[in-house]
């Protein structure tokens, strides 16, 4: 159950990051769908931590996993370019 929560967290952050317009912004309708899907994935991950761990410690572990997933997604997206210089 916790593994599913971590997958949902990474997917949620990835969807939210894909909705951000870095160089080639996606169309507005697609950005809205990506943001909505990311927010739903992040919200759906909370019960995956509350059920197995409990109401007392579940939100604490969820917040820590939320932070670590955000850092992992940011690191992967930053290093994904392979060191190529940016355009613009």
PDB file of N, CA and C in Angstrom:
ATOM      1  N   UNK A   1       0.823  -1.195   0.000  1.00  0.00           N
ATOM      2  CA  UNK A   1       0.000   0.000   0.000  1.00  0.00           C
ATOM      3  C   UNK A   1       0.866   1.258   0.000  1.00  0.00           C
ATOM      4  N   UNK A   2       1.952   1.218   0.757  1.00  0.00           N
ATOM      5  CA  UNK A   2       2.842   2.376   0.801  1.00  0.00           C
ATOM      6  C   UNK A   2       3.549   2.551  -0.543  1.00  0.00           C
ATOM      7  N   UNK A   3       3.904   1.444  -1.183  1.00  0.00           N
ATOM      8  CA  UNK A   3       4.551   1.532  -2.496  1.00  0.00           C
ATOM      9  C   UNK A   3       3.621   2.191  -3.510  1.00  0.00           C
ATOM     10  N   UNK A   4       2.340   1.862  -3.433  1.00  0.00           N
ATOM     11  CA  UNK A   4       1.361   2.503  -4.315  1.00  0.00           C
ATOM     12  C   UNK A   4       1.301   4.003  -4.031  1.00  0.00           C
ATOM     13  N   UNK A   5       1.375   4.377  -2.767  1.00  0.00           N
ATOM     14  CA  UNK A   5       1.379   5.789  -2.400  1.00  0.00           C
ATOM     15  C   UNK A   5       2.590   6.522  -2.951  1.00  0.00           C
ATOM     16  N   UNK A   6       3.737   5.870  -2.919  1.00  0.00           N
ATOM     17  CA  UNK A   6       4.954   6.496  -3.449  1.00  0.00           C
ATOM     18  C   UNK A   6       4.858   6.643  -4.962  1.00  0.00           C
ATOM     19  N   UNK A   7       4.324   5.629  -5.622  1.00  0.00           N
ATOM     20  CA  UNK A   7       4.142   5.725  -7.080  1.00  0.00           C
ATOM     21  C   UNK A   7       3.181   6.864  -7.424  1.00  0.00           C
ATOM     22  N   UNK A   8       2.104   6.986  -6.655  1.00  0.00           N
ATOM     23  CA  UNK A   8       1.160   8.089  -6.888  1.00  0.00           C
ATOM     24  C   UNK A   8       1.806   9.448  -6.646  1.00  0.00           C
ATOM     25  N   UNK A   9       2.658   9.541  -5.641  1.00  0.00           N
ATOM     26  CA  UNK A   9       3.346  10.805  -5.371  1.00  0.00           C
ATOM     27  C   UNK A   9       4.274  11.191  -6.524  1.00  0.00           C
ATOM     28  N   UNK A  10       5.068  10.237  -6.978  1.00  0.00           N
ATOM     29  CA  UNK A  10       5.992  10.530  -8.084  1.00  0.00           C
ATOM     30  C   UNK A  10       5.209  10.878  -9.346  1.00  0.00           C
ATOM     31  N   UNK A  11       4.142  10.136  -9.615  1.00  0.00           N
ATOM     32  CA  UNK A  11       3.328  10.425 -10.798  1.00  0.00           C
ATOM     33  C   UNK A  11       2.661  11.790 -10.683  1.00  0.00           C
ATOM     34  N   UNK A  12       2.186  12.118  -9.496  1.00  0.00           N
ATOM     35  CA  UNK A  12       1.547  13.423  -9.299  1.00  0.00           C
ATOM     36  C   UNK A  12       2.508  14.567  -9.521  1.00  0.00           C
ATOM     37  N   UNK A  13       3.700  14.457  -8.939  1.00  0.00           N
ATOM     38  CA  UNK A  13       4.678  15.529  -9.143  1.00  0.00           C
ATOM     39  C   UNK A  13       5.123  15.601 -10.599  1.00  0.00           C
ATOM     40  N   UNK A  14       5.252  14.441 -11.243  1.00  0.00           N
ATOM     41  CA  UNK A  14       5.666  14.443 -12.652  1.00  0.00           C
ATOM     42  C   UNK A  14       4.601  15.115 -13.522  1.00  0.00           C
ATOM     43  N   UNK A  15       3.338  14.832 -13.243  1.00  0.00           N
ATOM     44  CA  UNK A  15       2.261  15.463 -14.007  1.00  0.00           C
ATOM     45  C   UNK A  15       2.227  16.966 -13.765  1.00  0.00           C
ATOM     46  N   UNK A  16       2.420  17.382 -12.525  1.00  0.00           N
ATOM     47  CA  UNK A  16       2.440  18.819 -12.244  1.00  0.00           C
ATOM     48  C   UNK A  16       3.636  19.494 -12.911  1.00  0.00           C
ATOM     49  N   UNK A  17       4.775  18.814 -12.926  1.00  0.00           N
ATOM     50  CA  UNK A  17       5.953  19.386 -13.586  1.00  0.00           C
ATOM     51  C   UNK A  17       5.760  19.446 -15.095  1.00  0.00           C
ATOM     52  N   UNK A  18       5.070  18.462 -15.661  1.00  0.00           N
ATOM     53  CA  UNK A  18       4.815  18.470 -17.107  1.00  0.00           C
ATOM     54  C   UNK A  18       3.851  19.583 -17.498  1.00  0.00           C
ATOM     55  N   UNK A  19       3.050  20.041 -16.553  1.00  0.00           N
ATOM     56  CA  UNK A  19       2.102  21.119 -16.844  1.00  0.00           C
ATOM     57  C   UNK A  19       2.771  22.488 -16.843  1.00  0.00           C
ATOM     58  N   UNK A  20       3.976  22.570 -16.304  1.00  0.00           N
ATOM     59  CA  UNK A  20       4.673  23.852 -16.259  1.00  0.00           C
ATOM     60  C   UNK A  20       5.277  24.156 -17.627  1.00  0.00           C
ATOM     61  N   UNK A  21       5.192  25.384 -18.078  1.00  0.00           N
ATOM     62  CA  UNK A  21       5.728  25.720 -19.400  1.00  0.00           C
ATOM     63  C   UNK A  21       7.204  26.135 -19.352  1.00  0.00           C
ATOM     64  N   UNK A  22       8.154  25.196 -19.534  1.00  0.00           N
ATOM     65  CA  UNK A  22       9.558  25.586 -19.511  1.00  0.00           C
ATOM     66  C   UNK A  22       9.983  26.315 -20.787  1.00  0.00           C
ATOM     67  N   UNK A  23       9.999  25.608 -21.904  1.00  0.00           N
ATOM     68  CA  UNK A  23      10.385  26.214 -23.176  1.00  0.00           C
ATOM     69  C   UNK A  23       9.247  26.153 -24.174  1.00  0.00           C
ATOM     70  N   UNK A  24       8.696  24.980 -24.332  1.00  0.00           N
ATOM     71  CA  UNK A  24       7.584  24.776 -25.261  1.00  0.00           C
ATOM     72  C   UNK A  24       6.335  24.480 -24.445  1.00  0.00           C
ATOM     73  N   UNK A  25       5.558  25.501 -24.121  1.00  0.00           N
ATOM     74  CA  UNK A  25       4.399  25.255 -23.254  1.00  0.00           C
ATOM     75  C   UNK A  25       3.354  24.398 -23.949  1.00  0.00           C
ATOM     76  N   UNK A  26       2.787  23.447 -23.198  1.00  0.00           N
ATOM     77  CA  UNK A  26       1.695  22.642 -23.776  1.00  0.00           C
ATOM     78  C   UNK A  26       0.448  23.503 -23.944  1.00  0.00           C
ATOM     79  N   UNK A  27      -0.489  23.077 -24.754  1.00  0.00           N
ATOM     80  CA  UNK A  27      -1.738  23.839 -24.900  1.00  0.00           C
ATOM     81  C   UNK A  27      -2.442  24.001 -23.549  1.00  0.00           C
ATOM     82  N   UNK A  28      -3.243  25.053 -23.457  1.00  0.00           N
ATOM     83  CA  UNK A  28      -3.872  25.410 -22.183  1.00  0.00           C
ATOM     84  C   UNK A  28      -4.768  24.289 -21.667  1.00  0.00           C
ATOM     85  N   UNK A  29      -5.550  23.674 -22.533  1.00  0.00           N
ATOM     86  CA  UNK A  29      -6.446  22.602 -22.088  1.00  0.00           C
ATOM     87  C   UNK A  29      -5.645  21.417 -21.547  1.00  0.00           C
ATOM     88  N   UNK A  30      -4.543  21.098 -22.191  1.00  0.00           N
ATOM     89  CA  UNK A  30      -3.703  19.996 -21.718  1.00  0.00           C
ATOM     90  C   UNK A  30      -3.058  20.338 -20.383  1.00  0.00           C
ATOM     91  N   UNK A  31      -2.639  21.585 -20.213  1.00  0.00           N
ATOM     92  CA  UNK A  31      -2.058  22.007 -18.935  1.00  0.00           C
ATOM     93  C   UNK A  31      -3.052  21.846 -17.804  1.00  0.00           C
ATOM     94  N   UNK A  32      -4.311  22.207 -18.049  1.00  0.00           N
ATOM     95  CA  UNK A  32      -5.340  22.075 -17.019  1.00  0.00           C
ATOM     96  C   UNK A  32      -5.583  20.606 -16.668  1.00  0.00           C
ATOM     97  N   UNK A  33      -5.601  19.744 -17.686  1.00  0.00           N
ATOM     98  CA  UNK A  33      -5.793  18.312 -17.427  1.00  0.00           C
ATOM     99  C   UNK A  33      -4.620  17.728 -16.654  1.00  0.00           C
ATOM    100  N   UNK A  34      -3.399  18.140 -16.997  1.00  0.00           N
ATOM    101  CA  UNK A  34      -2.222  17.648 -16.286  1.00  0.00           C
ATOM    102  C   UNK A  34      -2.223  18.114 -14.834  1.00  0.00           C
ATOM    103  N   UNK A  35      -2.580  19.370 -14.606  1.00  0.00           N
ATOM    104  CA  UNK A  35      -2.643  19.880 -13.230  1.00  0.00           C
ATOM    105  C   UNK A  35      -3.691  19.152 -12.410  1.00  0.00           C
ATOM    106  N   UNK A  36      -4.855  18.925 -13.009  1.00  0.00           N
ATOM    107  CA  UNK A  36      -5.919  18.227 -12.301  1.00  0.00           C
ATOM    108  C   UNK A  36      -5.511  16.793 -11.982  1.00  0.00           C
ATOM    109  N   UNK A  37      -4.919  16.101 -12.947  1.00  0.00           N
ATOM    110  CA  UNK A  37      -4.481  14.724 -12.716  1.00  0.00           C
ATOM    111  C   UNK A  37      -3.387  14.668 -11.655  1.00  0.00           C
ATOM    112  N   UNK A  38      -2.473  15.626 -11.671  1.00  0.00           N
ATOM    113  CA  UNK A  38      -1.423  15.668 -10.651  1.00  0.00           C
ATOM    114  C   UNK A  38      -1.975  15.915  -9.263  1.00  0.00           C
ATOM    115  N   UNK A  39      -2.909  16.829  -9.149  1.00  0.00           N
ATOM    116  CA  UNK A  39      -3.509  17.116  -7.846  1.00  0.00           C
ATOM    117  C   UNK A  39      -4.301  15.912  -7.332  1.00  0.00           C
ATOM    118  N   UNK A  40      -4.998  15.232  -8.225  1.00  0.00           N
ATOM    119  CA  UNK A  40      -5.757  14.041  -7.816  1.00  0.00           C
ATOM    120  C   UNK A  40      -4.805  12.932  -7.367  1.00  0.00           C
ATOM    121  N   UNK A  41      -3.696  12.765  -8.078  1.00  0.00           N
ATOM    122  CA  UNK A  41      -2.730  11.725  -7.691  1.00  0.00           C
ATOM    123  C   UNK A  41      -2.111  12.031  -6.328  1.00  0.00           C
ATOM    124  N   UNK A  42      -1.777  13.294  -6.082  1.00  0.00           N
ATOM    125  CA  UNK A  42      -1.212  13.656  -4.786  1.00  0.00           C
ATOM    126  C   UNK A  42      -2.232  13.453  -3.672  1.00  0.00           C
ATOM    127  N   UNK A  43      -3.469  13.830  -3.918  1.00  0.00           N
ATOM    128  CA  UNK A  43      -4.506  13.646  -2.899  1.00  0.00           C
ATOM    129  C   UNK A  43      -4.817  12.163  -2.673  1.00  0.00           C
ATOM    130  N   UNK A  44      -4.769  11.374  -3.728  1.00  0.00           N
ATOM    131  CA  UNK A  44      -5.065   9.942  -3.606  1.00  0.00           C
ATOM    132  C   UNK A  44      -3.950   9.186  -2.884  1.00  0.00           C
ATOM    133  N   UNK A  45      -2.770   9.776  -2.808  1.00  0.00           N
ATOM    134  CA  UNK A  45      -1.673   9.091  -2.131  1.00  0.00           C
ATOM    135  C   UNK A  45      -1.790   9.161  -0.609  1.00  0.00           C
ATOM    136  N   UNK A  46      -2.504  10.132  -0.078  1.00  0.00           N
ATOM    137  CA  UNK A  46      -2.619  10.259   1.375  1.00  0.00           C
ATOM    138  C   UNK A  46      -3.254   9.039   2.034  1.00  0.00           C
ATOM    139  N   UNK A  47      -4.378   8.511   1.544  1.00  0.00           N
ATOM    140  CA  UNK A  47      -4.923   7.304   2.189  1.00  0.00           C
ATOM    141  C   UNK A  47      -3.998   6.094   2.118  1.00  0.00           C
ATOM    142  N   UNK A  48      -3.111   6.065   1.131  1.00  0.00           N
ATOM    143  CA  UNK A  48      -2.171   4.955   1.031  1.00  0.00           C
ATOM    144  C   UNK A  48      -1.165   4.956   2.181  1.00  0.00           C
ATOM    145  N   UNK A  49      -1.008   6.088   2.843  1.00  0.00           N
ATOM    146  CA  UNK A  49      -0.151   6.168   4.021  1.00  0.00           C
ATOM    147  C   UNK A  49      -0.956   6.109   5.310  1.00  0.00           C
ATOM    148  N   UNK A  50      -2.182   6.600   5.283  1.00  0.00           N
ATOM    149  CA  UNK A  50      -2.998   6.608   6.497  1.00  0.00           C
ATOM    150  C   UNK A  50      -3.462   5.209   6.896  1.00  0.00           C
ATOM    151  N   UNK A  51      -3.848   4.399   5.928  1.00  0.00           N
ATOM    152  CA  UNK A  51      -4.406   3.081   6.246  1.00  0.00           C
ATOM    153  C   UNK A  51      -3.362   2.165   6.880  1.00  0.00           C
ATOM    154  N   UNK A  52      -2.178   1.963   6.284  1.00  0.00           N
ATOM    155  CA  UNK A  52      -1.252   1.006   6.904  1.00  0.00           C
ATOM    156  C   UNK A  52      -0.504   1.556   8.120  1.00  0.00           C
ATOM    157  N   UNK A  53      -0.231   2.855   8.153  1.00  0.00           N
ATOM    158  CA  UNK A  53       0.602   3.408   9.227  1.00  0.00           C
ATOM    159  C   UNK A  53      -0.247   3.937  10.373  1.00  0.00           C
ATOM    160  N   UNK A  54      -1.388   4.503  10.060  1.00  0.00           N
ATOM    161  CA  UNK A  54      -2.258   5.034  11.097  1.00  0.00           C
ATOM    162  C   UNK A  54      -2.425   6.537  10.972  1.00  0.00           C
ATOM    163  N   UNK A  55      -3.412   7.035  11.678  1.00  0.00           N
ATOM    164  CA  UNK A  55      -3.743   8.457  11.588  1.00  0.00           C
ATOM    165  C   UNK A  55      -2.687   9.311  12.294  1.00  0.00           C
ATOM    166  N   UNK A  56      -2.007   8.740  13.291  1.00  0.00           N
ATOM    167  CA  UNK A  56      -1.029   9.520  14.047  1.00  0.00           C
ATOM    168  C   UNK A  56       0.246   9.770  13.243  1.00  0.00           C
ATOM    169  N   UNK A  57       0.807   8.733  12.662  1.00  0.00           N
ATOM    170  CA  UNK A  57       2.083   8.847  11.964  1.00  0.00           C
ATOM    171  C   UNK A  57       1.951   8.860  10.442  1.00  0.00           C
ATOM    172  N   UNK A  58       0.804   8.500   9.916  1.00  0.00           N
ATOM    173  CA  UNK A  58       0.606   8.453   8.468  1.00  0.00           C
ATOM    174  C   UNK A  58       0.856   9.778   7.775  1.00  0.00           C
ATOM    175  N   UNK A  59       0.271  10.883   8.271  1.00  0.00           N
ATOM    176  CA  UNK A  59       0.532  12.167   7.616  1.00  0.00           C
ATOM    177  C   UNK A  59       1.988  12.603   7.688  1.00  0.00           C
ATOM    178  N   UNK A  60       2.691  12.191   8.740  1.00  0.00           N
ATOM    179  CA  UNK A  60       4.112  12.543   8.870  1.00  0.00           C
ATOM    180  C   UNK A  60       4.919  11.834   7.796  1.00  0.00           C
ATOM    181  N   UNK A  61       4.681  10.538   7.649  1.00  0.00           N
ATOM    182  CA  UNK A  61       5.384   9.784   6.614  1.00  0.00           C
ATOM    183  C   UNK A  61       4.967  10.247   5.222  1.00  0.00           C
ATOM    184  N   UNK A  62       3.698  10.609   5.058  1.00  0.00           N
ATOM    185  CA  UNK A  62       3.224  11.107   3.763  1.00  0.00           C
ATOM    186  C   UNK A  62       3.924  12.411   3.403  1.00  0.00           C
ATOM    187  N   UNK A  63       4.066  13.316   4.384  1.00  0.00           N
ATOM    188  CA  UNK A  63       4.740  14.588   4.118  1.00  0.00           C
ATOM    189  C   UNK A  63       6.211  14.366   3.765  1.00  0.00           C
ATOM    190  N   UNK A  64       6.861  13.439   4.449  1.00  0.00           N
ATOM    191  CA  UNK A  64       8.254  13.135   4.120  1.00  0.00           C
ATOM    192  C   UNK A  64       8.358  12.526   2.721  1.00  0.00           C
ATOM    193  N   UNK A  65       7.466  11.603   2.395  1.00  0.00           N
ATOM    194  CA  UNK A  65       7.487  10.999   1.061  1.00  0.00           C
ATOM    195  C   UNK A  65       7.134  12.024  -0.007  1.00  0.00           C
ATOM    196  N   UNK A  66       6.246  12.952   0.313  1.00  0.00           N
ATOM    197  CA  UNK A  66       5.878  14.027  -0.605  1.00  0.00           C
ATOM    198  C   UNK A  66       7.104  14.867  -0.956  1.00  0.00           C
ATOM    199  N   UNK A  67       7.883  15.207   0.054  1.00  0.00           N
ATOM    200  CA  UNK A  67       9.086  16.008  -0.154  1.00  0.00           C
ATOM    201  C   UNK A  67      10.140  15.233  -0.944  1.00  0.00           C
ATOM    202  N   UNK A  68      10.351  13.972  -0.591  1.00  0.00           N
ATOM    203  CA  UNK A  68      11.355  13.173  -1.293  1.00  0.00           C
ATOM    204  C   UNK A  68      10.960  12.912  -2.745  1.00  0.00           C
ATOM    205  N   UNK A  69       9.679  12.697  -2.996  1.00  0.00           N
ATOM    206  CA  UNK A  69       9.225  12.489  -4.374  1.00  0.00           C
ATOM    207  C   UNK A  69       9.399  13.760  -5.195  1.00  0.00           C
ATOM    208  N   UNK A  70       9.123  14.919  -4.592  1.00  0.00           N
ATOM    209  CA  UNK A  70       9.312  16.183  -5.311  1.00  0.00           C
ATOM    210  C   UNK A  70      10.782  16.401  -5.648  1.00  0.00           C
ATOM    211  N   UNK A  71      11.655  16.081  -4.701  1.00  0.00           N
ATOM    212  CA  UNK A  71      13.091  16.229  -4.967  1.00  0.00           C
ATOM    213  C   UNK A  71      13.558  15.261  -6.050  1.00  0.00           C
ATOM    214  N   UNK A  72      13.053  14.035  -6.022  1.00  0.00           N
ATOM    215  CA  UNK A  72      13.454  13.047  -7.028  1.00  0.00           C
ATOM    216  C   UNK A  72      12.995  13.472  -8.421  1.00  0.00           C
ATOM    217  N   UNK A  73      11.764  13.944  -8.527  1.00  0.00           N
ATOM    218  CA  UNK A  73      11.252  14.380  -9.833  1.00  0.00           C
ATOM    219  C   UNK A  73      12.037  15.589 -10.331  1.00  0.00           C
ATOM    220  N   UNK A  74      12.322  16.536  -9.453  1.00  0.00           N
ATOM    221  CA  UNK A  74      13.091  17.715  -9.862  1.00  0.00           C
ATOM    222  C   UNK A  74      14.497  17.330 -10.313  1.00  0.00           C
ATOM    223  N   UNK A  75      15.125  16.398  -9.597  1.00  0.00           N
ATOM    224  CA  UNK A  75      16.469  15.966  -9.968  1.00  0.00           C
ATOM    225  C   UNK A  75      16.472  15.237 -11.306  1.00  0.00           C
ATOM    226  N   UNK A  76      15.535  14.339 -11.511  1.00  0.00           N
ATOM    227  CA  UNK A  76      15.478  13.594 -12.772  1.00  0.00           C
ATOM    228  C   UNK A  76      15.196  14.535 -13.936  1.00  0.00           C
ATOM    229  N   UNK A  77      14.277  15.473 -13.743  1.00  0.00           N
ATOM    230  CA  UNK A  77      13.958  16.400 -14.836  1.00  0.00           C
ATOM    231  C   UNK A  77      15.119  17.345 -15.118  1.00  0.00           C
ATOM    232  N   UNK A  78      15.896  17.689 -14.102  1.00  0.00           N
ATOM    233  CA  UNK A  78      17.046  18.570 -14.321  1.00  0.00           C
ATOM    234  C   UNK A  78      18.178  17.839 -15.036  1.00  0.00           C
ATOM    235  N   UNK A  79      18.388  16.582 -14.687  1.00  0.00           N
ATOM    236  CA  UNK A  79      19.488  15.825 -15.285  1.00  0.00           C
ATOM    237  C   UNK A  79      19.099  15.157 -16.592  1.00  0.00           C
ATOM    238  N   UNK A  80      17.828  15.174 -16.937  1.00  0.00           N
ATOM    239  CA  UNK A  80      17.355  14.481 -18.125  1.00  0.00           C
ATOM    240  C   UNK A  80      17.928  15.068 -19.400  1.00  0.00           C
ATOM    241  N   UNK A  81      18.291  16.350 -19.394  1.00  0.00           N
ATOM    242  CA  UNK A  81      18.807  16.979 -20.601  1.00  0.00           C
ATOM    243  C   UNK A  81      20.179  16.475 -21.011  1.00  0.00           C
ATOM    244  N   UNK A  82      20.899  15.785 -20.139  1.00  0.00           N
ATOM    245  CA  UNK A  82      22.205  15.241 -20.491  1.00  0.00           C
ATOM    246  C   UNK A  82      23.298  16.287 -20.576  1.00  0.00           C
ATOM    247  N   UNK A  83      23.135  17.411 -19.943  1.00  0.00           N
ATOM    248  CA  UNK A  83      24.155  18.450 -19.941  1.00  0.00           C
ATOM    249  C   UNK A  83      24.149  19.329 -21.176  1.00  0.00           C
ATOM    250  N   UNK A  84      23.111  19.218 -21.989  1.00  0.00           N
ATOM    251  CA  UNK A  84      23.033  20.065 -23.178  1.00  0.00           C
ATOM    252  C   UNK A  84      22.747  21.500 -22.771  1.00  0.00           C
ATOM    253  N   UNK A  85      23.304  22.461 -23.471  1.00  0.00           N
ATOM    254  CA  UNK A  85      22.980  23.858 -23.135  1.00  0.00           C
ATOM    255  C   UNK A  85      21.529  24.183 -23.501  1.00  0.00           C
ATOM    256  N   UNK A  86      20.956  25.070 -22.744  1.00  0.00           N
ATOM    257  CA  UNK A  86      19.576  25.453 -22.987  1.00  0.00           C
ATOM    258  C   UNK A  86      19.475  26.422 -24.157  1.00  0.00           C
ATOM    259  N   UNK A  87      18.342  26.311 -24.840  1.00  0.00           N
ATOM    260  CA  UNK A  87      18.066  27.258 -25.919  1.00  0.00           C
ATOM    261  C   UNK A  87      17.448  28.513 -25.326  1.00  0.00           C
ATOM    262  N   UNK A  88      17.709  29.620 -25.940  1.00  0.00           N
ATOM    263  CA  UNK A  88      17.021  30.829 -25.530  1.00  0.00           C
ATOM    264  C   UNK A  88      17.825  31.662 -24.694  1.00  0.00           C
TER     265      UNK A  88
END
